[in-house]
Amino acid sequence: MTHRSMQEPTFLILTALAAGPQHGYGIVTDVLRISGERVRLRAGTLYAALDRLEGEGLAETEREEVVDGRARRYYRLTRSGEERLADETERLRRNVETATARLRSRLGLGTMGSGA
């Protein structure tokens, strides 16, 4: 099945969940780390994305626990989420390969980054 390409925050959220179940703040900090501190998710953005991902069957609530009197919800990647993340990763890999080959050709480089 062909899917529309993912927005980067969605890709990064699913990537964070691929490491295992996480609560909201854990996802925010993991996405920040994964993206080299480029992507800073705000709470509203994160929870809207998680609601959408749950609706699409790509993520689900694993459990809730109370910490310091506040509910903490943990999310996990579903099997469909794993498959969708793998599909998107492969799509991006193919795009990177094509871009790399064309840049090598254009710049006359044997390997990216070599030369003067």
PDB file of N, CA and C in Angstrom:
ATOM      1  N   MET A   1       0.835  -1.177   0.000  1.00  0.00           N
ATOM      2  CA  MET A   1       0.000   0.000   0.000  1.00  0.00           C
ATOM      3  C   MET A   1       0.883   1.243   0.000  1.00  0.00           C
ATOM      4  N   THR A   2       0.559   2.195  -0.859  1.00  0.00           N
ATOM      5  CA  THR A   2       1.315   3.426  -0.940  1.00  0.00           C
ATOM      6  C   THR A   2       0.741   4.440   0.040  1.00  0.00           C
ATOM      7  N   HIS A   3       1.624   5.047   0.811  1.00  0.00           N
ATOM      8  CA  HIS A   3       1.217   6.044   1.794  1.00  0.00           C
ATOM      9  C   HIS A   3       1.761   7.398   1.384  1.00  0.00           C
ATOM     10  N   ARG A   4       1.101   8.417   1.844  1.00  0.00           N
ATOM     11  CA  ARG A   4       1.603   9.771   1.699  1.00  0.00           C
ATOM     12  C   ARG A   4       2.853   9.881   2.564  1.00  0.00           C
ATOM     13  N   SER A   5       3.825  10.673   2.125  1.00  0.00           N
ATOM     14  CA  SER A   5       5.038  10.800   2.929  1.00  0.00           C
ATOM     15  C   SER A   5       4.710  11.453   4.272  1.00  0.00           C
ATOM     16  N   MET A   6       5.464  11.062   5.284  1.00  0.00           N
ATOM     17  CA  MET A   6       5.252  11.555   6.640  1.00  0.00           C
ATOM     18  C   MET A   6       5.892  12.907   6.836  1.00  0.00           C
ATOM     19  N   GLN A   7       5.284  13.698   7.675  1.00  0.00           N
ATOM     20  CA  GLN A   7       5.911  14.929   8.131  1.00  0.00           C
ATOM     21  C   GLN A   7       7.028  14.537   9.096  1.00  0.00           C
ATOM     22  N   GLU A   8       8.061  15.343   9.161  1.00  0.00           N
ATOM     23  CA  GLU A   8       9.206  15.008  10.007  1.00  0.00           C
ATOM     24  C   GLU A   8       8.835  14.781  11.476  1.00  0.00           C
ATOM     25  N   PRO A   9       7.998  15.621  12.095  1.00  0.00           N
ATOM     26  CA  PRO A   9       7.665  15.352  13.502  1.00  0.00           C
ATOM     27  C   PRO A   9       7.012  13.983  13.710  1.00  0.00           C
ATOM     28  N   THR A  10       6.153  13.576  12.793  1.00  0.00           N
ATOM     29  CA  THR A  10       5.514  12.259  12.892  1.00  0.00           C
ATOM     30  C   THR A  10       6.561  11.154  12.797  1.00  0.00           C
ATOM     31  N   PHE A  11       7.451  11.282  11.838  1.00  0.00           N
ATOM     32  CA  PHE A  11       8.528  10.307  11.664  1.00  0.00           C
ATOM     33  C   PHE A  11       9.367  10.208  12.935  1.00  0.00           C
ATOM     34  N   LEU A  12       9.694  11.341  13.517  1.00  0.00           N
ATOM     35  CA  LEU A  12      10.529  11.357  14.722  1.00  0.00           C
ATOM     36  C   LEU A  12       9.796  10.799  15.936  1.00  0.00           C
ATOM     37  N   ILE A  13       8.498  11.062  16.049  1.00  0.00           N
ATOM     38  CA  ILE A  13       7.709  10.500  17.153  1.00  0.00           C
ATOM     39  C   ILE A  13       7.685   8.977  17.039  1.00  0.00           C
ATOM     40  N   LEU A  14       7.415   8.466  15.847  1.00  0.00           N
ATOM     41  CA  LEU A  14       7.402   7.013  15.659  1.00  0.00           C
ATOM     42  C   LEU A  14       8.786   6.420  15.904  1.00  0.00           C
ATOM     43  N   THR A  15       9.822   7.135  15.486  1.00  0.00           N
ATOM     44  CA  THR A  15      11.191   6.677  15.728  1.00  0.00           C
ATOM     45  C   THR A  15      11.468   6.613  17.225  1.00  0.00           C
ATOM     46  N   ALA A  16      11.028   7.607  17.962  1.00  0.00           N
ATOM     47  CA  ALA A  16      11.204   7.603  19.423  1.00  0.00           C
ATOM     48  C   ALA A  16      10.491   6.402  20.028  1.00  0.00           C
ATOM     49  N   LEU A  17       9.279   6.129  19.581  1.00  0.00           N
ATOM     50  CA  LEU A  17       8.510   5.007  20.129  1.00  0.00           C
ATOM     51  C   LEU A  17       9.083   3.653  19.720  1.00  0.00           C
ATOM     52  N   ALA A  18       9.859   3.628  18.647  1.00  0.00           N
ATOM     53  CA  ALA A  18      10.484   2.371  18.220  1.00  0.00           C
ATOM     54  C   ALA A  18      11.492   1.872  19.259  1.00  0.00           C
ATOM     55  N   ALA A  19      11.983   2.769  20.122  1.00  0.00           N
ATOM     56  CA  ALA A  19      12.916   2.373  21.180  1.00  0.00           C
ATOM     57  C   ALA A  19      12.192   1.713  22.344  1.00  0.00           C
ATOM     58  N   GLY A  20      10.874   1.875  22.413  1.00  0.00           N
ATOM     59  CA  GLY A  20      10.087   1.303  23.498  1.00  0.00           C
ATOM     60  C   GLY A  20       9.074   2.314  23.994  1.00  0.00           C
ATOM     61  N   PRO A  21       8.154   1.874  24.851  1.00  0.00           N
ATOM     62  CA  PRO A  21       7.103   2.766  25.357  1.00  0.00           C
ATOM     63  C   PRO A  21       7.696   3.986  26.066  1.00  0.00           C
ATOM     64  N   GLN A  22       7.064   5.135  25.837  1.00  0.00           N
ATOM     65  CA  GLN A  22       7.518   6.372  26.461  1.00  0.00           C
ATOM     66  C   GLN A  22       6.321   7.250  26.798  1.00  0.00           C
ATOM     67  N   HIS A  23       6.497   8.087  27.807  1.00  0.00           N
ATOM     68  CA  HIS A  23       5.475   9.081  28.129  1.00  0.00           C
ATOM     69  C   HIS A  23       5.791  10.351  27.341  1.00  0.00           C
ATOM     70  N   GLY A  24       4.879  11.300  27.390  1.00  0.00           N
ATOM     71  CA  GLY A  24       5.002  12.503  26.571  1.00  0.00           C
ATOM     72  C   GLY A  24       6.320  13.230  26.683  1.00  0.00           C
ATOM     73  N   TYR A  25       6.753  13.516  27.919  1.00  0.00           N
ATOM     74  CA  TYR A  25       8.002  14.247  28.084  1.00  0.00           C
ATOM     75  C   TYR A  25       9.183  13.438  27.555  1.00  0.00           C
ATOM     76  N   GLY A  26       9.139  12.122  27.735  1.00  0.00           N
ATOM     77  CA  GLY A  26      10.196  11.262  27.194  1.00  0.00           C
ATOM     78  C   GLY A  26      10.263  11.341  25.680  1.00  0.00           C
ATOM     79  N   ILE A  27       9.097  11.379  25.040  1.00  0.00           N
ATOM     80  CA  ILE A  27       9.055  11.495  23.578  1.00  0.00           C
ATOM     81  C   ILE A  27       9.634  12.840  23.147  1.00  0.00           C
ATOM     82  N   VAL A  28       9.236  13.911  23.827  1.00  0.00           N
ATOM     83  CA  VAL A  28       9.730  15.250  23.493  1.00  0.00           C
ATOM     84  C   VAL A  28      11.252  15.298  23.576  1.00  0.00           C
ATOM     85  N   THR A  29      11.822  14.779  24.650  1.00  0.00           N
ATOM     86  CA  THR A  29      13.277  14.835  24.809  1.00  0.00           C
ATOM     87  C   THR A  29      13.989  13.900  23.839  1.00  0.00           C
ATOM     88  N   ASP A  30      13.376  12.747  23.530  1.00  0.00           N
ATOM     89  CA  ASP A  30      13.982  11.821  22.578  1.00  0.00           C
ATOM     90  C   ASP A  30      13.981  12.425  21.173  1.00  0.00           C
ATOM     91  N   VAL A  31      12.875  13.041  20.781  1.00  0.00           N
ATOM     92  CA  VAL A  31      12.799  13.690  19.467  1.00  0.00           C
ATOM     93  C   VAL A  31      13.834  14.806  19.370  1.00  0.00           C
ATOM     94  N   LEU A  32      13.999  15.557  20.415  1.00  0.00           N
ATOM     95  CA  LEU A  32      14.999  16.624  20.430  1.00  0.00           C
ATOM     96  C   LEU A  32      16.398  16.039  20.209  1.00  0.00           C
ATOM     97  N   ARG A  33      16.690  14.929  20.883  1.00  0.00           N
ATOM     98  CA  ARG A  33      17.997  14.275  20.745  1.00  0.00           C
ATOM     99  C   ARG A  33      18.179  13.690  19.347  1.00  0.00           C
ATOM    100  N   ILE A  34      17.171  12.959  18.876  1.00  0.00           N
ATOM    101  CA  ILE A  34      17.250  12.315  17.557  1.00  0.00           C
ATOM    102  C   ILE A  34      17.479  13.350  16.455  1.00  0.00           C
ATOM    103  N   SER A  35      16.816  14.497  16.578  1.00  0.00           N
ATOM    104  CA  SER A  35      16.878  15.518  15.534  1.00  0.00           C
ATOM    105  C   SER A  35      18.083  16.449  15.679  1.00  0.00           C
ATOM    106  N   GLY A  36      18.970  16.148  16.591  1.00  0.00           N
ATOM    107  CA  GLY A  36      20.110  17.028  16.799  1.00  0.00           C
ATOM    108  C   GLY A  36      19.676  18.397  17.310  1.00  0.00           C
ATOM    109  N   GLU A  37      18.628  18.401  18.114  1.00  0.00           N
ATOM    110  CA  GLU A  37      18.048  19.596  18.730  1.00  0.00           C
ATOM    111  C   GLU A  37      17.402  20.543  17.724  1.00  0.00           C
ATOM    112  N   ARG A  38      17.057  20.051  16.539  1.00  0.00           N
ATOM    113  CA  ARG A  38      16.362  20.865  15.542  1.00  0.00           C
ATOM    114  C   ARG A  38      14.859  20.891  15.754  1.00  0.00           C
ATOM    115  N   VAL A  39      14.291  19.765  16.189  1.00  0.00           N
ATOM    116  CA  VAL A  39      12.837  19.655  16.324  1.00  0.00           C
ATOM    117  C   VAL A  39      12.468  19.674  17.797  1.00  0.00           C
ATOM    118  N   ARG A  40      11.767  20.712  18.183  1.00  0.00           N
ATOM    119  CA  ARG A  40      11.293  20.881  19.564  1.00  0.00           C
ATOM    120  C   ARG A  40       9.774  20.800  19.546  1.00  0.00           C
ATOM    121  N   LEU A  41       9.259  19.685  20.006  1.00  0.00           N
ATOM    122  CA  LEU A  41       7.807  19.492  20.019  1.00  0.00           C
ATOM    123  C   LEU A  41       7.197  20.203  21.220  1.00  0.00           C
ATOM    124  N   ARG A  42       6.130  20.906  20.977  1.00  0.00           N
ATOM    125  CA  ARG A  42       5.363  21.500  22.073  1.00  0.00           C
ATOM    126  C   ARG A  42       4.299  20.496  22.480  1.00  0.00           C
ATOM    127  N   ALA A  43       3.830  20.625  23.706  1.00  0.00           N
ATOM    128  CA  ALA A  43       2.864  19.657  24.240  1.00  0.00           C
ATOM    129  C   ALA A  43       1.635  19.532  23.347  1.00  0.00           C
ATOM    130  N   GLY A  44       1.080  20.646  22.914  1.00  0.00           N
ATOM    131  CA  GLY A  44      -0.119  20.595  22.065  1.00  0.00           C
ATOM    132  C   GLY A  44       0.123  19.860  20.762  1.00  0.00           C
ATOM    133  N   THR A  45       1.266  20.118  20.153  1.00  0.00           N
ATOM    134  CA  THR A  45       1.638  19.453  18.903  1.00  0.00           C
ATOM    135  C   THR A  45       1.817  17.957  19.130  1.00  0.00           C
ATOM    136  N   LEU A  46       2.527  17.608  20.209  1.00  0.00           N
ATOM    137  CA  LEU A  46       2.781  16.197  20.503  1.00  0.00           C
ATOM    138  C   LEU A  46       1.475  15.446  20.722  1.00  0.00           C
ATOM    139  N   TYR A  47       0.608  15.962  21.593  1.00  0.00           N
ATOM    140  CA  TYR A  47      -0.592  15.208  21.939  1.00  0.00           C
ATOM    141  C   TYR A  47      -1.592  15.171  20.793  1.00  0.00           C
ATOM    142  N   ALA A  48      -1.616  16.195  19.956  1.00  0.00           N
ATOM    143  CA  ALA A  48      -2.460  16.140  18.748  1.00  0.00           C
ATOM    144  C   ALA A  48      -1.936  15.053  17.806  1.00  0.00           C
ATOM    145  N   ALA A  49      -0.614  14.983  17.666  1.00  0.00           N
ATOM    146  CA  ALA A  49      -0.009  13.953  16.812  1.00  0.00           C
ATOM    147  C   ALA A  49      -0.264  12.563  17.379  1.00  0.00           C
ATOM    148  N   LEU A  50      -0.111  12.401  18.691  1.00  0.00           N
ATOM    149  CA  LEU A  50      -0.353  11.088  19.308  1.00  0.00           C
ATOM    150  C   LEU A  50      -1.816  10.667  19.153  1.00  0.00           C
ATOM    151  N   ASP A  51      -2.745  11.607  19.302  1.00  0.00           N
ATOM    152  CA  ASP A  51      -4.164  11.289  19.083  1.00  0.00           C
ATOM    153  C   ASP A  51      -4.388  10.813  17.650  1.00  0.00           C
ATOM    154  N   ARG A  52      -3.778  11.514  16.692  1.00  0.00           N
ATOM    155  CA  ARG A  52      -3.909  11.130  15.283  1.00  0.00           C
ATOM    156  C   ARG A  52      -3.279   9.768  15.034  1.00  0.00           C
ATOM    157  N   LEU A  53      -2.087   9.546  15.587  1.00  0.00           N
ATOM    158  CA  LEU A  53      -1.404   8.262  15.404  1.00  0.00           C
ATOM    159  C   LEU A  53      -2.201   7.120  16.028  1.00  0.00           C
ATOM    160  N   GLU A  54      -2.839   7.372  17.176  1.00  0.00           N
ATOM    161  CA  GLU A  54      -3.703   6.350  17.777  1.00  0.00           C
ATOM    162  C   GLU A  54      -4.905   6.085  16.880  1.00  0.00           C
ATOM    163  N   GLY A  55      -5.488   7.149  16.335  1.00  0.00           N
ATOM    164  CA  GLY A  55      -6.628   6.998  15.435  1.00  0.00           C
ATOM    165  C   GLY A  55      -6.294   6.213  14.179  1.00  0.00           C
ATOM    166  N   GLU A  56      -5.052   6.342  13.729  1.00  0.00           N
ATOM    167  CA  GLU A  56      -4.589   5.623  12.535  1.00  0.00           C
ATOM    168  C   GLU A  56      -4.086   4.228  12.872  1.00  0.00           C
ATOM    169  N   GLY A  57      -4.054   3.891  14.156  1.00  0.00           N
ATOM    170  CA  GLY A  57      -3.593   2.569  14.568  1.00  0.00           C
ATOM    171  C   GLY A  57      -2.083   2.395  14.542  1.00  0.00           C
ATOM    172  N   LEU A  58      -1.337   3.499  14.525  1.00  0.00           N
ATOM    173  CA  LEU A  58       0.119   3.426  14.461  1.00  0.00           C
ATOM    174  C   LEU A  58       0.771   3.466  15.836  1.00  0.00           C
ATOM    175  N   ALA A  59       0.054   4.000  16.815  1.00  0.00           N
ATOM    176  CA  ALA A  59       0.531   4.055  18.204  1.00  0.00           C
ATOM    177  C   ALA A  59      -0.671   3.790  19.094  1.00  0.00           C
ATOM    178  N   GLU A  60      -0.385   3.380  20.325  1.00  0.00           N
ATOM    179  CA  GLU A  60      -1.475   3.148  21.270  1.00  0.00           C
ATOM    180  C   GLU A  60      -0.983   3.413  22.681  1.00  0.00           C
ATOM    181  N   THR A  61      -1.945   3.672  23.561  1.00  0.00           N
ATOM    182  CA  THR A  61      -1.615   3.845  24.966  1.00  0.00           C
ATOM    183  C   THR A  61      -1.289   2.486  25.549  1.00  0.00           C
ATOM    184  N   GLU A  62      -0.126   2.391  26.181  1.00  0.00           N
ATOM    185  CA  GLU A  62       0.256   1.132  26.806  1.00  0.00           C
ATOM    186  C   GLU A  62      -0.255   1.062  28.241  1.00  0.00           C
ATOM    187  N   ARG A  63      -0.068   2.163  28.954  1.00  0.00           N
ATOM    188  CA  ARG A  63      -0.502   2.188  30.354  1.00  0.00           C
ATOM    189  C   ARG A  63      -0.523   3.631  30.845  1.00  0.00           C
ATOM    190  N   GLU A  64      -1.151   3.801  32.000  1.00  0.00           N
ATOM    191  CA  GLU A  64      -1.120   5.087  32.694  1.00  0.00           C
ATOM    192  C   GLU A  64      -0.689   4.825  34.121  1.00  0.00           C
ATOM    193  N   GLU A  65       0.061   5.764  34.654  1.00  0.00           N
ATOM    194  CA  GLU A  65       0.444   5.668  36.061  1.00  0.00           C
ATOM    195  C   GLU A  65       0.408   7.075  36.650  1.00  0.00           C
ATOM    196  N   VAL A  66       0.293   7.146  37.938  1.00  0.00           N
ATOM    197  CA  VAL A  66       0.264   8.440  38.618  1.00  0.00           C
ATOM    198  C   VAL A  66       1.638   8.690  39.226  1.00  0.00           C
ATOM    199  N   VAL A  67       2.216   9.845  38.872  1.00  0.00           N
ATOM    200  CA  VAL A  67       3.523  10.249  39.379  1.00  0.00           C
ATOM    201  C   VAL A  67       3.363  11.651  39.953  1.00  0.00           C
ATOM    202  N   ASP A  68       3.673  11.803  41.235  1.00  0.00           N
ATOM    203  CA  ASP A  68       3.529  13.092  41.918  1.00  0.00           C
ATOM    204  C   ASP A  68       2.123  13.661  41.744  1.00  0.00           C
ATOM    205  N   GLY A  69       1.132  12.786  41.826  1.00  0.00           N
ATOM    206  CA  GLY A  69      -0.256  13.211  41.745  1.00  0.00           C
ATOM    207  C   GLY A  69      -0.768  13.518  40.342  1.00  0.00           C
ATOM    208  N   ARG A  70       0.058  13.286  39.347  1.00  0.00           N
ATOM    209  CA  ARG A  70      -0.352  13.558  37.956  1.00  0.00           C
ATOM    210  C   ARG A  70      -0.331  12.267  37.150  1.00  0.00           C
ATOM    211  N   ALA A  71      -1.331  12.143  36.286  1.00  0.00           N
ATOM    212  CA  ALA A  71      -1.391  10.962  35.419  1.00  0.00           C
ATOM    213  C   ALA A  71      -0.305  11.066  34.352  1.00  0.00           C
ATOM    214  N   ARG A  72       0.384   9.972  34.145  1.00  0.00           N
ATOM    215  CA  ARG A  72       1.408   9.893  33.102  1.00  0.00           C
ATOM    216  C   ARG A  72       1.015   8.741  32.182  1.00  0.00           C
ATOM    217  N   ARG A  73       0.788   9.069  30.922  1.00  0.00           N
ATOM    218  CA  ARG A  73       0.372   8.067  29.939  1.00  0.00           C
ATOM    219  C   ARG A  73       1.586   7.657  29.099  1.00  0.00           C
ATOM    220  N   TYR A  74       1.756   6.350  28.965  1.00  0.00           N
ATOM    221  CA  TYR A  74       2.836   5.799  28.151  1.00  0.00           C
ATOM    222  C   TYR A  74       2.252   5.308  26.827  1.00  0.00           C
ATOM    223  N   TYR A  75       2.954   5.626  25.755  1.00  0.00           N
ATOM    224  CA  TYR A  75       2.535   5.238  24.406  1.00  0.00           C
ATOM    225  C   TYR A  75       3.528   4.234  23.849  1.00  0.00           C
ATOM    226  N   ARG A  76       3.018   3.381  22.976  1.00  0.00           N
ATOM    227  CA  ARG A  76       3.902   2.423  22.313  1.00  0.00           C
ATOM    228  C   ARG A  76       3.548   2.341  20.845  1.00  0.00           C
ATOM    229  N   LEU A  77       4.487   1.889  20.068  1.00  0.00           N
ATOM    230  CA  LEU A  77       4.314   1.672  18.641  1.00  0.00           C
ATOM    231  C   LEU A  77       3.528   0.383  18.432  1.00  0.00           C
ATOM    232  N   THR A  78       2.565   0.388  17.525  1.00  0.00           N
ATOM    233  CA  THR A  78       1.841  -0.837  17.188  1.00  0.00           C
ATOM    234  C   THR A  78       2.577  -1.550  16.049  1.00  0.00           C
ATOM    235  N   ARG A  79       2.133  -2.736  15.728  1.00  0.00           N
ATOM    236  CA  ARG A  79       2.711  -3.467  14.589  1.00  0.00           C
ATOM    237  C   ARG A  79       2.529  -2.647  13.311  1.00  0.00           C
ATOM    238  N   SER A  80       1.354  -2.045  13.133  1.00  0.00           N
ATOM    239  CA  SER A  80       1.119  -1.187  11.962  1.00  0.00           C
ATOM    240  C   SER A  80       2.060   0.009  11.971  1.00  0.00           C
ATOM    241  N   GLY A  81       2.317   0.549  13.156  1.00  0.00           N
ATOM    242  CA  GLY A  81       3.248   1.660  13.280  1.00  0.00           C
ATOM    243  C   GLY A  81       4.661   1.256  12.894  1.00  0.00           C
ATOM    244  N   GLU A  82       5.071   0.066  13.313  1.00  0.00           N
ATOM    245  CA  GLU A  82       6.396  -0.447  12.933  1.00  0.00           C
ATOM    246  C   GLU A  82       6.503  -0.574  11.420  1.00  0.00           C
ATOM    247  N   GLU A  83       5.469  -1.135  10.808  1.00  0.00           N
ATOM    248  CA  GLU A  83       5.477  -1.327   9.350  1.00  0.00           C
ATOM    249  C   GLU A  83       5.497   0.006   8.622  1.00  0.00           C
ATOM    250  N   ARG A  84       4.705   0.950   9.110  1.00  0.00           N
ATOM    251  CA  ARG A  84       4.645   2.276   8.466  1.00  0.00           C
ATOM    252  C   ARG A  84       5.973   3.006   8.617  1.00  0.00           C
ATOM    253  N   LEU A  85       6.597   2.908   9.788  1.00  0.00           N
ATOM    254  CA  LEU A  85       7.905   3.526  10.002  1.00  0.00           C
ATOM    255  C   LEU A  85       8.956   2.874   9.105  1.00  0.00           C
ATOM    256  N   ALA A  86       8.912   1.561   8.975  1.00  0.00           N
ATOM    257  CA  ALA A  86       9.852   0.863   8.094  1.00  0.00           C
ATOM    258  C   ALA A  86       9.653   1.294   6.636  1.00  0.00           C
ATOM    259  N   ASP A  87       8.404   1.420   6.201  1.00  0.00           N
ATOM    260  CA  ASP A  87       8.118   1.863   4.831  1.00  0.00           C
ATOM    261  C   ASP A  87       8.663   3.273   4.593  1.00  0.00           C
ATOM    262  N   GLU A  88       8.423   4.154   5.551  1.00  0.00           N
ATOM    263  CA  GLU A  88       8.887   5.543   5.410  1.00  0.00           C
ATOM    264  C   GLU A  88      10.406   5.614   5.440  1.00  0.00           C
ATOM    265  N   THR A  89      11.035   4.809   6.283  1.00  0.00           N
ATOM    266  CA  THR A  89      12.494   4.769   6.350  1.00  0.00           C
ATOM    267  C   THR A  89      13.072   4.314   5.013  1.00  0.00           C
ATOM    268  N   GLU A  90      12.463   3.305   4.413  1.00  0.00           N
ATOM    269  CA  GLU A  90      12.918   2.816   3.115  1.00  0.00           C
ATOM    270  C   GLU A  90      12.720   3.880   2.023  1.00  0.00           C
ATOM    271  N   ARG A  91      11.601   4.583   2.042  1.00  0.00           N
ATOM    272  CA  ARG A  91      11.344   5.646   1.064  1.00  0.00           C
ATOM    273  C   ARG A  91      12.419   6.721   1.179  1.00  0.00           C
ATOM    274  N   LEU A  92      12.721   7.124   2.408  1.00  0.00           N
ATOM    275  CA  LEU A  92      13.745   8.148   2.616  1.00  0.00           C
ATOM    276  C   LEU A  92      15.124   7.645   2.194  1.00  0.00           C
ATOM    277  N   ARG A  93      15.419   6.384   2.494  1.00  0.00           N
ATOM    278  CA  ARG A  93      16.714   5.800   2.100  1.00  0.00           C
ATOM    279  C   ARG A  93      16.886   5.850   0.587  1.00  0.00           C
ATOM    280  N   ARG A  94      15.846   5.486  -0.154  1.00  0.00           N
ATOM    281  CA  ARG A  94      15.925   5.526  -1.620  1.00  0.00           C
ATOM    282  C   ARG A  94      16.140   6.956  -2.114  1.00  0.00           C
ATOM    283  N   ASN A  95      15.460   7.911  -1.499  1.00  0.00           N
ATOM    284  CA  ASN A  95      15.637   9.311  -1.889  1.00  0.00           C
ATOM    285  C   ASN A  95      17.057   9.785  -1.621  1.00  0.00           C
ATOM    286  N   VAL A  96      17.615   9.397  -0.479  1.00  0.00           N
ATOM    287  CA  VAL A  96      18.987   9.780  -0.143  1.00  0.00           C
ATOM    288  C   VAL A  96      19.965   9.154  -1.132  1.00  0.00           C
ATOM    289  N   GLU A  97      19.760   7.894  -1.477  1.00  0.00           N
ATOM    290  CA  GLU A  97      20.634   7.241  -2.455  1.00  0.00           C
ATOM    291  C   GLU A  97      20.617   7.973  -3.790  1.00  0.00           C
ATOM    292  N   THR A  98      19.444   8.338  -4.258  1.00  0.00           N
ATOM    293  CA  THR A  98      19.318   9.043  -5.533  1.00  0.00           C
ATOM    294  C   THR A  98      20.004  10.399  -5.469  1.00  0.00           C
ATOM    295  N   ALA A  99      19.738  11.159  -4.413  1.00  0.00           N
ATOM    296  CA  ALA A  99      20.356  12.473  -4.271  1.00  0.00           C
ATOM    297  C   ALA A  99      21.875  12.366  -4.184  1.00  0.00           C
ATOM    298  N   THR A 100      22.360  11.379  -3.423  1.00  0.00           N
ATOM    299  CA  THR A 100      23.798  11.185  -3.267  1.00  0.00           C
ATOM    300  C   THR A 100      24.447  10.863  -4.608  1.00  0.00           C
ATOM    301  N   ALA A 101      23.839   9.955  -5.361  1.00  0.00           N
ATOM    302  CA  ALA A 101      24.393   9.575  -6.663  1.00  0.00           C
ATOM    303  C   ALA A 101      24.420  10.771  -7.617  1.00  0.00           C
ATOM    304  N   ARG A 102      23.370  11.558  -7.612  1.00  0.00           N
ATOM    305  CA  ARG A 102      23.325  12.715  -8.510  1.00  0.00           C
ATOM    306  C   ARG A 102      24.322  13.788  -8.098  1.00  0.00           C
ATOM    307  N   LEU A 103      24.487  13.988  -6.819  1.00  0.00           N
ATOM    308  CA  LEU A 103      25.486  14.962  -6.365  1.00  0.00           C
ATOM    309  C   LEU A 103      26.898  14.489  -6.688  1.00  0.00           C
ATOM    310  N   ARG A 104      27.142  13.209  -6.496  1.00  0.00           N
ATOM    311  CA  ARG A 104      28.463  12.672  -6.846  1.00  0.00           C
ATOM    312  C   ARG A 104      28.754  12.922  -8.318  1.00  0.00           C
ATOM    313  N   SER A 105      27.791  12.634  -9.166  1.00  0.00           N
ATOM    314  CA  SER A 105      27.950  12.822 -10.594  1.00  0.00           C
ATOM    315  C   SER A 105      28.165  14.292 -10.927  1.00  0.00           C
ATOM    316  N   ARG A 106      27.354  15.139 -10.354  1.00  0.00           N
ATOM    317  CA  ARG A 106      27.413  16.572 -10.626  1.00  0.00           C
ATOM    318  C   ARG A 106      28.732  17.181 -10.155  1.00  0.00           C
ATOM    319  N   LEU A 107      29.199  16.752  -9.006  1.00  0.00           N
ATOM    320  CA  LEU A 107      30.407  17.316  -8.426  1.00  0.00           C
ATOM    321  C   LEU A 107      31.673  16.550  -8.842  1.00  0.00           C
ATOM    322  N   GLY A 108      31.485  15.438  -9.558  1.00  0.00           N
ATOM    323  CA  GLY A 108      32.631  14.649  -9.984  1.00  0.00           C
ATOM    324  C   GLY A 108      33.347  13.975  -8.839  1.00  0.00           C
ATOM    325  N   LEU A 109      32.564  13.586  -7.818  1.00  0.00           N
ATOM    326  CA  LEU A 109      33.155  12.965  -6.629  1.00  0.00           C
ATOM    327  C   LEU A 109      32.942  11.456  -6.663  1.00  0.00           C
ATOM    328  N   GLY A 110      33.971  10.734  -6.235  1.00  0.00           N
ATOM    329  CA  GLY A 110      33.839   9.289  -6.111  1.00  0.00           C
ATOM    330  C   GLY A 110      33.000   8.924  -4.892  1.00  0.00           C
ATOM    331  N   THR A 111      33.197   9.638  -3.799  1.00  0.00           N
ATOM    332  CA  THR A 111      32.407   9.450  -2.578  1.00  0.00           C
ATOM    333  C   THR A 111      32.084  10.829  -2.045  1.00  0.00           C
ATOM    334  N   MET A 112      30.916  10.944  -1.462  1.00  0.00           N
ATOM    335  CA  MET A 112      30.494  12.233  -0.908  1.00  0.00           C
ATOM    336  C   MET A 112      31.498  12.714   0.129  1.00  0.00           C
ATOM    337  N   GLY A 113      31.816  13.989   0.061  1.00  0.00           N
ATOM    338  CA  GLY A 113      32.670  14.573   1.070  1.00  0.00           C
ATOM    339  C   GLY A 113      34.165  14.442   0.782  1.00  0.00           C
ATOM    340  N   SER A 114      34.543  13.672  -0.253  1.00  0.00           N
ATOM    341  CA  SER A 114      35.961  13.565  -0.542  1.00  0.00           C
ATOM    342  C   SER A 114      36.346  14.664  -1.531  1.00  0.00           C
ATOM    343  N   GLY A 115      37.599  14.896  -1.660  1.00  0.00           N
ATOM    344  CA  GLY A 115      38.081  15.919  -2.583  1.00  0.00           C
ATOM    345  C   GLY A 115      38.473  17.174  -1.834  1.00  0.00           C
ATOM    346  N   ALA A 116      38.848  18.196  -2.603  1.00  0.00           N
ATOM    347  CA  ALA A 116      39.332  19.431  -1.985  1.00  0.00           C
ATOM    348  C   ALA A 116      38.240  20.358  -1.571  1.00  0.00           C
TER     349      ALA A 116
END
